[in-house]
Amino acid sequence: MQESIQLVIDSLPFLLKGAGYTLQLSIGGMFLAYC
């Protein structure tokens, strides 16, 4: 159990970075569509 928690903590930054990148892409796409 402890190992899996450590694994999640280690992968969190990558997940957050991926989520932020996806969010930027979707917002950018909407912005371009409205222009």
N, C-alpha and C. Protein backbone atom coordinates (compact mmCIF):
# COMPACT_ATOMS: atom_id res chain seq x y z
N MET A 1 0.83 -1.20 0.00
CA MET A 1 0.00 0.00 0.00
C MET A 1 0.87 1.26 0.00
N GLN A 2 1.90 1.24 0.85
CA GLN A 2 2.78 2.40 0.95
C GLN A 2 3.49 2.69 -0.37
N GLU A 3 3.87 1.62 -1.09
CA GLU A 3 4.57 1.81 -2.36
C GLU A 3 3.67 2.49 -3.39
N SER A 4 2.41 2.10 -3.42
CA SER A 4 1.50 2.67 -4.42
C SER A 4 1.26 4.15 -4.13
N ILE A 5 1.18 4.51 -2.85
CA ILE A 5 1.01 5.92 -2.49
C ILE A 5 2.21 6.72 -2.96
N GLN A 6 3.40 6.16 -2.75
CA GLN A 6 4.62 6.84 -3.18
C GLN A 6 4.64 6.99 -4.70
N LEU A 7 4.13 5.97 -5.40
CA LEU A 7 4.08 6.01 -6.85
C LEU A 7 3.15 7.12 -7.33
N VAL A 8 2.00 7.23 -6.68
CA VAL A 8 1.03 8.28 -7.04
C VAL A 8 1.64 9.66 -6.82
N ILE A 9 2.31 9.83 -5.68
CA ILE A 9 2.94 11.12 -5.36
C ILE A 9 4.01 11.45 -6.39
N ASP A 10 4.75 10.44 -6.83
CA ASP A 10 5.81 10.65 -7.82
C ASP A 10 5.23 11.05 -9.18
N SER A 11 4.07 10.52 -9.53
CA SER A 11 3.51 10.77 -10.85
C SER A 11 2.57 11.98 -10.88
N LEU A 12 2.26 12.53 -9.72
CA LEU A 12 1.35 13.68 -9.66
C LEU A 12 1.80 14.87 -10.51
N PRO A 13 3.07 15.30 -10.41
CA PRO A 13 3.49 16.45 -11.23
C PRO A 13 3.26 16.24 -12.72
N PHE A 14 3.52 15.02 -13.20
CA PHE A 14 3.31 14.74 -14.63
C PHE A 14 1.83 14.80 -14.98
N LEU A 15 0.98 14.27 -14.10
CA LEU A 15 -0.46 14.31 -14.33
C LEU A 15 -0.96 15.75 -14.35
N LEU A 16 -0.48 16.54 -13.40
CA LEU A 16 -0.90 17.94 -13.33
C LEU A 16 -0.44 18.71 -14.56
N LYS A 17 0.78 18.43 -15.01
CA LYS A 17 1.32 19.10 -16.19
C LYS A 17 0.49 18.74 -17.42
N GLY A 18 0.14 17.45 -17.52
CA GLY A 18 -0.68 17.00 -18.65
C GLY A 18 -2.06 17.63 -18.62
N ALA A 19 -2.64 17.72 -17.43
CA ALA A 19 -3.97 18.32 -17.29
C ALA A 19 -3.93 19.80 -17.65
N GLY A 20 -2.89 20.49 -17.19
CA GLY A 20 -2.75 21.91 -17.49
C GLY A 20 -2.57 22.14 -18.98
N TYR A 21 -1.80 21.27 -19.62
CA TYR A 21 -1.55 21.38 -21.05
C TYR A 21 -2.84 21.17 -21.84
N THR A 22 -3.63 20.16 -21.42
CA THR A 22 -4.90 19.88 -22.08
C THR A 22 -5.85 21.06 -21.92
N LEU A 23 -5.86 21.64 -20.71
CA LEU A 23 -6.72 22.79 -20.43
C LEU A 23 -6.33 23.97 -21.31
N GLN A 24 -5.02 24.22 -21.43
CA GLN A 24 -4.54 25.31 -22.28
C GLN A 24 -4.96 25.10 -23.73
N LEU A 25 -4.85 23.85 -24.20
CA LEU A 25 -5.20 23.55 -25.58
C LEU A 25 -6.69 23.79 -25.83
N SER A 26 -7.54 23.34 -24.91
CA SER A 26 -8.98 23.49 -25.10
C SER A 26 -9.39 24.96 -25.03
N ILE A 27 -8.80 25.71 -24.09
CA ILE A 27 -9.11 27.14 -23.98
C ILE A 27 -8.59 27.88 -25.21
N GLY A 28 -7.38 27.53 -25.65
CA GLY A 28 -6.82 28.15 -26.84
C GLY A 28 -7.67 27.85 -28.07
N GLY A 29 -8.16 26.63 -28.17
CA GLY A 29 -9.00 26.25 -29.30
C GLY A 29 -10.30 27.03 -29.31
N MET A 30 -10.91 27.19 -28.14
CA MET A 30 -12.15 27.96 -28.05
C MET A 30 -11.89 29.42 -28.41
N PHE A 31 -10.77 29.95 -27.93
CA PHE A 31 -10.40 31.34 -28.20
C PHE A 31 -10.23 31.56 -29.70
N LEU A 32 -9.54 30.62 -30.37
CA LEU A 32 -9.32 30.73 -31.81
C LEU A 32 -10.63 30.60 -32.57
N ALA A 33 -11.53 29.75 -32.07
CA ALA A 33 -12.80 29.54 -32.75
C ALA A 33 -13.66 30.80 -32.70
N TYR A 34 -13.55 31.55 -31.61
CA TYR A 34 -14.38 32.75 -31.46
C TYR A 34 -13.81 33.95 -32.21
N CYS A 35 -12.52 33.93 -32.50
CA CYS A 35 -11.89 35.08 -33.15
C CYS A 35 -12.29 35.19 -34.61
